[in-house]
Amino acid sequence: MAGPVAHKAPKLSLRSSGVPDSKNNTINRTRLTLARRRRGLTKTQLAHAIGVDLRSVTAFEAGEYLPGEETMSRIVSSLRFPCEFFYGDDLDEPRPDTASFRAMSKMSASQRDMALSQGAIALHLNNWLERRFELPAASLPDLSHETNPEAAALFLRQMWALGELPIRNAIHLLESKGIRVFSLAIDAREVDAFSMWKGSTPFVFLNSYKSSEHSRFDAAHELGHLVLHKHASPHGREAEREADAFASAFLMPRGSVLASAPRLATIPVLVRLKRVWSVSVAALNYRLHALKVTTDWQYRRLCIEIGKLGYRESEPNEAPRETSQMLQKMLSVMAGEGISRAKIAKDLAIPVSELEHLLFGLALAGIAGGRRGANHPDRRSSSLSVVK
């Protein structure tokens, strides 16, 4: 079998223009709400933390009146955002009805709000980056008319000239097609990933605490939402089933799987075979059954064994973690210009930790003390031209 498809990082052009610094003189109530949600706090919890009653916090967020200087100091301390953050312009915040969440029924409202508020900060960062770099435009077809997810996956593979070959790095592929990929560094198994369109730009957020195989499937799942459900709210079991079927077919194309299908599917065989497509044992078991390589009885028996071995929580022989070329290249270029991560965070008026959360697992030098991927990012050179 031929080797997996590699994807070169698109060329990036550094713009010379800076970002205008527009600050309001009044506290922005929407930013106060966003910061509270980002910390996973209710209004009652914030009121208790800053020593005021619930009615006061409600009034602050409704814009009825402003907190005093001492109260504002306690808000800054409790929410751990710079004071300047609360005086900026409104930020675009994803709405629950425009973002696709995997397993939304398992997620608490607080976890959902934490993820959406992190999405708002990612949009803020992306706008900042797009003022400095020429990033690739989206190259995704609208396949909302396609009722068969397998056919949609095959069409997209043909459009992107992938053939039947395994995909070496799903994140590189998505970035090369204009999809902005950020980390969703929330240590909660209920929050897998989510995606959304913002204007003509697609975004995917991946939980970097998951296994590499899990993140790859999440990336393909969210790609399915982006192409299949662009004009509809991507919610409900049917939409999730379609995205799962798309991801399975996209990562493990029919011809490739059938060519390598084992005569007898056992756990050791699946652990060995999963490395061809860098998928989980559970995902490969599902795909073999979907293609009728295994019977219903074999599939159920393997599901039971996978559960007993703990392979749903801890993937055997985990693949190297995939990283971002785009983010790493931009950080490298800016570092050469003397723009550090601390400077980026200061320009955005966010804590450095929030920037690191968005980069966690995707670019080198993640959160201090946090989990790091097994492999370093691809260090192949990619030309970056400065716009004079």
Protein backbone atom coordinates (compact mmCIF):
# COMPACT_ATOMS: atom_id res chain seq x y z
CA MET A 1 0.00 0.00 0.00
CA ALA A 2 1.26 3.49 -0.79
CA GLY A 3 2.26 5.76 2.06
CA PRO A 4 -0.04 8.30 3.69
CA VAL A 5 -0.68 11.68 2.15
CA ALA A 6 1.35 14.57 3.60
CA HIS A 7 0.12 18.14 3.45
CA LYS A 8 2.43 21.12 3.07
CA ALA A 9 1.78 24.19 5.11
CA PRO A 10 0.28 26.98 2.99
CA LYS A 11 2.43 30.03 2.41
CA LEU A 12 1.83 32.80 4.90
CA SER A 13 2.44 36.47 4.22
CA LEU A 14 3.14 38.76 7.16
CA ARG A 15 1.33 42.05 6.83
CA SER A 16 3.11 45.22 7.89
CA SER A 17 0.07 47.01 9.27
CA GLY A 18 -0.59 46.92 13.00
CA VAL A 19 -3.85 46.41 14.83
CA PRO A 20 -5.75 49.54 15.77
CA ASP A 21 -6.09 49.85 19.51
CA SER A 22 -9.68 50.90 20.15
CA LYS A 23 -10.65 51.01 23.80
CA ASN A 24 -13.88 52.20 25.35
CA ASN A 25 -13.97 54.34 28.47
CA THR A 26 -16.82 52.29 29.91
CA ILE A 27 -16.82 48.72 31.14
CA ASN A 28 -18.20 46.43 28.47
CA ARG A 29 -20.95 44.36 30.09
CA THR A 30 -20.75 41.64 27.41
CA ARG A 31 -17.08 41.09 28.17
CA LEU A 32 -17.89 40.78 31.86
CA THR A 33 -20.41 38.04 31.05
CA LEU A 34 -17.93 36.31 28.74
CA ALA A 35 -15.17 36.32 31.36
CA ARG A 36 -17.54 34.93 33.99
CA ARG A 37 -18.65 32.12 31.70
CA ARG A 38 -15.07 31.39 30.73
CA ARG A 39 -14.34 30.69 34.40
CA GLY A 40 -17.38 28.46 34.68
CA LEU A 41 -19.09 30.67 37.25
CA THR A 42 -22.76 31.43 37.72
CA LYS A 43 -23.86 34.96 38.59
CA THR A 44 -24.46 33.80 42.14
CA GLN A 45 -20.96 32.36 42.42
CA LEU A 46 -19.39 35.55 41.08
CA ALA A 47 -21.47 37.66 43.46
CA HIS A 48 -20.21 35.57 46.39
CA ALA A 49 -16.60 35.82 45.17
CA ILE A 50 -16.62 39.61 44.91
CA GLY A 51 -18.75 40.27 47.99
CA VAL A 52 -21.90 41.73 46.43
CA ASP A 53 -25.46 40.47 46.09
CA LEU A 54 -26.82 38.68 43.03
CA ARG A 55 -28.84 41.71 41.98
CA SER A 56 -25.66 43.74 41.61
CA VAL A 57 -24.00 41.23 39.28
CA THR A 58 -27.20 40.99 37.26
CA ALA A 59 -27.26 44.78 36.98
CA PHE A 60 -23.58 44.91 35.96
CA GLU A 61 -24.14 42.42 33.15
CA ALA A 62 -27.35 44.13 32.06
CA GLY A 63 -25.56 47.47 31.87
CA GLU A 64 -27.94 49.07 34.38
CA TYR A 65 -25.06 50.46 36.43
CA LEU A 66 -21.32 50.02 36.72
CA PRO A 67 -19.29 48.42 39.49
CA GLY A 68 -17.29 50.74 41.70
CA GLU A 69 -13.52 50.86 41.65
CA GLU A 70 -13.06 48.42 44.56
CA THR A 71 -15.67 46.02 43.18
CA MET A 72 -14.05 46.16 39.77
CA SER A 73 -10.71 45.30 41.35
CA ARG A 74 -12.31 42.23 42.97
CA ILE A 75 -13.87 41.24 39.61
CA VAL A 76 -10.47 41.41 37.92
CA SER A 77 -8.94 39.31 40.69
CA SER A 78 -11.73 36.72 40.71
CA LEU A 79 -12.03 36.28 36.93
CA ARG A 80 -8.27 36.49 36.30
CA PHE A 81 -8.55 38.71 33.24
CA PRO A 82 -6.58 41.97 32.86
CA CYS A 83 -8.53 45.09 33.72
CA GLU A 84 -8.09 46.28 30.12
CA PHE A 85 -10.05 43.30 28.85
CA PHE A 86 -13.30 44.63 30.33
CA TYR A 87 -12.99 47.95 28.47
CA GLY A 88 -12.66 46.57 24.93
CA ASP A 89 -15.23 46.49 22.15
CA ASP A 90 -17.81 43.73 21.87
CA LEU A 91 -16.38 40.32 20.95
CA ASP A 92 -18.04 37.87 18.61
CA GLU A 93 -19.26 34.98 20.74
CA PRO A 94 -20.47 31.75 19.12
CA ARG A 95 -24.09 30.94 19.84
CA PRO A 96 -25.13 27.43 20.91
CA ASP A 97 -27.35 27.13 17.82
CA THR A 98 -24.47 27.85 15.41
CA ALA A 99 -21.83 25.58 16.97
CA SER A 100 -21.74 21.81 16.65
CA PHE A 101 -20.89 19.98 19.86
CA ARG A 102 -20.25 16.27 20.05
CA ALA A 103 -22.30 14.54 22.76
CA MET A 104 -24.05 17.77 23.71
CA SER A 105 -26.53 15.85 25.88
CA LYS A 106 -23.67 14.83 28.20
CA MET A 107 -22.42 18.38 28.58
CA SER A 108 -23.48 20.74 31.34
CA ALA A 109 -24.55 24.28 30.52
CA SER A 110 -21.47 25.54 32.34
CA GLN A 111 -19.14 23.37 30.25
CA ARG A 112 -20.86 24.51 27.06
CA ASP A 113 -20.53 28.18 28.07
CA MET A 114 -16.85 27.70 28.94
CA ALA A 115 -16.23 26.24 25.48
CA LEU A 116 -18.20 28.94 23.66
CA SER A 117 -16.43 31.72 25.57
CA GLN A 118 -13.10 30.17 24.64
CA GLY A 119 -14.37 30.18 21.06
CA ALA A 120 -14.98 33.93 21.38
CA ILE A 121 -11.38 34.46 22.49
CA ALA A 122 -10.22 32.31 19.55
CA LEU A 123 -12.17 34.54 17.14
CA HIS A 124 -10.54 37.54 18.81
CA LEU A 125 -7.09 35.98 18.30
CA ASN A 126 -7.88 34.96 14.72
CA ASN A 127 -8.90 38.52 13.83
CA TRP A 128 -5.62 39.72 15.31
CA LEU A 129 -3.66 37.19 13.25
CA GLU A 130 -5.52 37.96 10.04
CA ARG A 131 -4.51 41.61 10.33
CA ARG A 132 -0.89 40.48 10.25
CA PHE A 133 -0.92 37.43 7.97
CA GLU A 134 -2.53 36.44 4.73
CA LEU A 135 -4.13 33.17 5.72
CA PRO A 136 -5.59 30.68 3.22
CA ALA A 137 -9.21 31.12 2.25
CA ALA A 138 -11.63 28.27 2.88
CA SER A 139 -11.80 25.59 0.21
CA LEU A 140 -14.77 23.52 1.37
CA PRO A 141 -17.69 22.47 -0.80
CA ASP A 142 -21.27 22.75 0.38
CA LEU A 143 -22.46 19.14 0.55
CA SER A 144 -25.67 19.82 2.45
CA HIS A 145 -27.63 18.37 -0.48
CA GLU A 146 -25.87 15.00 -0.07
CA THR A 147 -27.94 12.52 1.94
CA ASN A 148 -25.27 9.82 2.05
CA PRO A 149 -22.32 10.71 4.34
CA GLU A 150 -20.16 7.98 2.77
CA ALA A 151 -20.72 9.50 -0.68
CA ALA A 152 -19.93 12.96 0.70
CA ALA A 153 -16.65 11.71 2.19
CA LEU A 154 -15.71 10.05 -1.12
CA PHE A 155 -16.53 13.23 -3.05
CA LEU A 156 -14.39 15.38 -0.75
CA ARG A 157 -11.48 12.93 -0.96
CA GLN A 158 -11.67 13.07 -4.75
CA MET A 159 -11.95 16.87 -4.74
CA TRP A 160 -8.87 17.14 -2.53
CA ALA A 161 -7.00 14.47 -4.56
CA LEU A 162 -6.57 12.17 -1.57
CA GLY A 163 -7.50 8.96 -3.36
CA GLU A 164 -7.56 5.96 -1.04
CA LEU A 165 -4.40 6.88 0.84
CA PRO A 166 -4.32 7.30 4.63
CA ILE A 167 -4.17 10.89 5.88
CA ARG A 168 -0.89 11.52 7.64
CA ASN A 169 -1.95 14.61 9.59
CA ALA A 170 -5.61 15.65 9.76
CA ILE A 171 -4.81 19.04 11.30
CA HIS A 172 -2.39 19.93 8.50
CA LEU A 173 -5.03 18.92 5.97
CA LEU A 174 -7.75 21.05 7.54
CA GLU A 175 -5.43 24.05 7.83
CA SER A 176 -4.37 23.73 4.19
CA LYS A 177 -8.04 24.04 3.22
CA GLY A 178 -8.55 27.26 5.15
CA ILE A 179 -9.99 25.81 8.36
CA ARG A 180 -8.78 27.53 11.52
CA VAL A 181 -7.91 24.92 14.14
CA PHE A 182 -7.59 25.80 17.82
CA SER A 183 -7.31 23.83 21.02
CA LEU A 184 -10.22 23.35 23.37
CA ALA A 185 -8.19 22.82 26.53
CA ILE A 186 -11.02 21.85 28.85
CA ASP A 187 -10.21 18.88 31.05
CA ALA A 188 -13.64 17.28 30.72
CA ARG A 189 -14.40 14.16 28.73
CA GLU A 190 -17.90 15.47 28.05
CA VAL A 191 -16.47 18.24 25.85
CA ASP A 192 -14.95 16.58 22.80
CA ALA A 193 -14.84 19.20 20.08
CA PHE A 194 -16.97 21.71 18.24
CA SER A 195 -16.99 23.54 14.92
CA MET A 196 -18.69 26.53 13.37
CA TRP A 197 -18.73 28.90 10.44
CA LYS A 198 -18.00 32.56 11.13
CA GLY A 199 -18.87 34.33 7.92
CA SER A 200 -16.89 32.54 5.23
CA THR A 201 -14.32 31.13 7.65
CA PRO A 202 -14.69 27.67 9.21
CA PHE A 203 -13.36 26.92 12.70
CA VAL A 204 -12.66 23.64 14.48
CA PHE A 205 -11.87 23.32 18.19
CA LEU A 206 -10.29 20.08 19.42
CA ASN A 207 -9.96 18.90 23.00
CA SER A 208 -6.20 18.40 23.36
CA TYR A 209 -6.61 16.20 26.42
CA LYS A 210 -7.96 13.36 24.26
CA SER A 211 -5.82 10.72 22.57
CA SER A 212 -4.33 11.49 19.17
CA GLU A 213 -6.65 8.99 17.50
CA HIS A 214 -9.66 10.49 19.25
CA SER A 215 -8.67 14.01 18.15
CA ARG A 216 -8.20 12.88 14.55
CA PHE A 217 -11.69 11.41 14.51
CA ASP A 218 -13.07 14.55 16.15
CA ALA A 219 -11.39 16.67 13.44
CA ALA A 220 -12.95 14.55 10.69
CA HIS A 221 -16.31 14.56 12.52
CA GLU A 222 -16.32 18.36 12.67
CA LEU A 223 -15.23 18.54 9.03
CA GLY A 224 -18.36 16.52 8.30
CA HIS A 225 -20.50 19.09 10.11
CA LEU A 226 -18.84 21.94 8.19
CA VAL A 227 -19.60 20.47 4.76
CA LEU A 228 -22.86 18.63 5.51
CA HIS A 229 -24.62 21.07 7.84
CA LYS A 230 -23.42 24.51 6.80
CA HIS A 231 -26.92 25.92 6.41
CA ALA A 232 -28.59 24.14 9.30
CA SER A 233 -28.19 23.98 13.05
CA PRO A 234 -25.88 20.94 13.42
CA HIS A 235 -27.67 19.39 16.37
CA GLY A 236 -29.55 16.21 17.08
CA ARG A 237 -28.77 12.53 16.89
CA GLU A 238 -29.24 12.37 13.13
CA ALA A 239 -26.70 15.14 12.49
CA GLU A 240 -24.23 13.45 14.84
CA ARG A 241 -24.77 10.10 13.17
CA GLU A 242 -24.12 11.66 9.75
CA ALA A 243 -20.93 13.35 10.98
CA ASP A 244 -19.71 10.09 12.53
CA ALA A 245 -20.38 8.17 9.32
CA PHE A 246 -18.61 10.87 7.32
CA ALA A 247 -15.56 10.81 9.62
CA SER A 248 -15.34 7.04 9.49
CA ALA A 249 -15.46 6.96 5.69
CA PHE A 250 -13.15 9.96 5.32
CA LEU A 251 -10.40 8.55 7.55
CA MET A 252 -10.86 4.91 6.48
CA PRO A 253 -11.91 4.84 2.80
CA ARG A 254 -13.75 1.73 1.69
CA GLY A 255 -11.18 0.51 -0.82
CA SER A 256 -8.27 0.94 1.54
CA VAL A 257 -9.98 -0.91 4.39
CA LEU A 258 -11.20 -3.77 2.22
CA ALA A 259 -7.70 -4.21 0.77
CA SER A 260 -6.27 -4.63 4.27
CA ALA A 261 -9.22 -6.39 5.91
CA PRO A 262 -8.16 -9.27 8.19
CA ARG A 263 -9.50 -12.78 7.78
CA LEU A 264 -10.16 -12.95 11.52
CA ALA A 265 -10.70 -9.73 13.46
CA THR A 266 -9.23 -9.97 16.95
CA ILE A 267 -8.12 -7.26 19.36
CA PRO A 268 -4.37 -7.81 18.66
CA VAL A 269 -5.08 -7.67 14.93
CA LEU A 270 -7.05 -4.43 15.29
CA VAL A 271 -4.33 -2.86 17.46
CA ARG A 272 -1.81 -3.64 14.72
CA LEU A 273 -4.07 -2.62 11.82
CA LYS A 274 -5.29 0.66 13.30
CA ARG A 275 -1.86 2.18 12.74
CA VAL A 276 -2.47 2.19 8.97
CA TRP A 277 -5.12 4.92 9.34
CA SER A 278 -4.16 6.25 12.82
CA VAL A 279 -7.62 5.60 14.23
CA SER A 280 -8.80 4.11 17.49
CA VAL A 281 -9.46 0.40 17.98
CA ALA A 282 -13.14 1.19 18.53
CA ALA A 283 -13.39 3.27 15.33
CA LEU A 284 -11.74 0.53 13.27
CA ASN A 285 -14.05 -2.09 14.76
CA TYR A 286 -17.05 0.06 13.81
CA ARG A 287 -15.76 0.59 10.25
CA LEU A 288 -15.11 -3.11 9.66
CA HIS A 289 -18.66 -3.87 10.74
CA ALA A 290 -20.12 -1.07 8.60
CA LEU A 291 -18.35 -2.55 5.57
CA LYS A 292 -19.65 -6.04 6.51
CA VAL A 293 -16.15 -7.39 7.05
CA THR A 294 -17.33 -8.59 10.46
CA THR A 295 -20.69 -9.98 11.53
CA ASP A 296 -23.02 -8.48 14.12
CA TRP A 297 -21.85 -11.10 16.62
CA GLN A 298 -18.15 -10.41 15.96
CA TYR A 299 -18.72 -6.67 16.27
CA ARG A 300 -20.52 -6.97 19.61
CA ARG A 301 -17.92 -9.37 20.96
CA LEU A 302 -15.10 -6.97 20.04
CA CYS A 303 -17.01 -4.06 21.59
CA ILE A 304 -17.20 -5.99 24.87
CA GLU A 305 -13.48 -6.83 24.77
CA ILE A 306 -12.56 -3.22 23.98
CA GLY A 307 -14.56 -2.08 27.00
CA LYS A 308 -13.05 -4.69 29.33
CA LEU A 309 -9.51 -3.76 28.25
CA GLY A 310 -10.18 -0.08 28.92
CA TYR A 311 -9.42 0.89 25.34
CA ARG A 312 -12.22 3.45 25.26
CA GLU A 313 -10.46 5.55 27.90
CA SER A 314 -6.82 4.72 27.10
CA GLU A 315 -5.87 3.99 23.50
CA PRO A 316 -3.26 1.20 23.04
CA ASN A 317 -0.12 2.19 21.12
CA GLU A 318 -1.28 5.79 20.84
CA ALA A 319 -0.18 7.53 17.64
CA PRO A 320 2.06 10.64 17.78
CA ARG A 321 0.05 13.74 18.57
CA GLU A 322 -0.76 15.90 15.60
CA THR A 323 0.25 19.54 15.74
CA SER A 324 -0.43 22.70 13.78
CA GLN A 325 1.90 24.00 11.10
CA MET A 326 0.02 27.26 10.67
CA LEU A 327 0.13 28.36 14.29
CA GLN A 328 3.73 27.27 14.74
CA LYS A 329 4.86 29.09 11.59
CA MET A 330 3.09 32.30 12.58
CA LEU A 331 4.54 32.17 16.09
CA SER A 332 8.01 31.62 14.64
CA VAL A 333 7.70 34.57 12.27
CA MET A 334 6.44 36.84 15.04
CA ALA A 335 9.17 35.69 17.39
CA GLY A 336 11.67 36.77 14.73
CA GLU A 337 10.00 40.18 14.76
CA GLY A 338 10.30 40.38 18.54
CA ILE A 339 6.61 39.64 19.17
CA SER A 340 6.41 37.22 22.08
CA ARG A 341 3.39 35.33 23.33
CA ALA A 342 3.22 37.75 26.24
CA LYS A 343 3.09 40.65 23.75
CA ILE A 344 0.30 38.95 21.79
CA ALA A 345 -1.69 38.41 24.99
CA LYS A 346 -1.15 42.02 26.03
CA ASP A 347 -2.35 43.31 22.66
CA LEU A 348 -5.46 41.17 23.01
CA ALA A 349 -5.89 42.16 26.69
CA ILE A 350 -6.17 38.51 27.72
CA PRO A 351 -4.14 36.43 30.17
CA VAL A 352 -1.19 34.58 28.64
CA SER A 353 -2.82 31.42 29.95
CA GLU A 354 -5.80 31.98 27.63
CA LEU A 355 -3.49 32.21 24.64
CA GLU A 356 -1.71 29.06 25.75
CA HIS A 357 -5.03 27.26 26.10
CA LEU A 358 -5.82 27.98 22.44
CA LEU A 359 -2.38 26.70 21.38
CA PHE A 360 -2.19 23.78 23.81
CA GLY A 361 -1.17 20.59 22.05
CA LEU A 362 -1.03 22.36 18.68
CA ALA A 363 2.16 24.42 18.97
CA LEU A 364 5.42 24.00 20.87
CA ALA A 365 5.80 25.28 24.43
CA GLY A 366 2.29 24.58 25.67
CA ILE A 367 0.94 25.27 29.13
CA ALA A 368 3.62 24.88 31.74
CA GLY A 369 3.14 21.63 33.57
CA GLY A 370 0.43 20.43 31.18
CA ARG A 371 0.30 17.29 29.09
CA ARG A 372 2.42 17.42 25.94
CA GLY A 373 2.19 15.40 22.78
CA ALA A 374 4.43 12.43 22.11
CA ASN A 375 6.07 14.02 19.07
CA HIS A 376 7.29 17.46 18.16
CA PRO A 377 5.64 19.36 15.31
CA ASP A 378 6.70 18.78 11.74
CA ARG A 379 9.79 20.95 11.26
CA ARG A 380 9.83 20.93 7.46
CA SER A 381 10.49 24.40 6.09
CA SER A 382 7.66 26.48 4.72
CA SER A 383 8.32 29.81 3.04
CA LEU A 384 6.90 32.91 4.68
CA SER A 385 6.99 36.14 2.72
CA VAL A 386 6.80 39.55 4.34
CA VAL A 387 4.53 42.08 2.69
CA LYS A 388 6.42 45.34 2.32
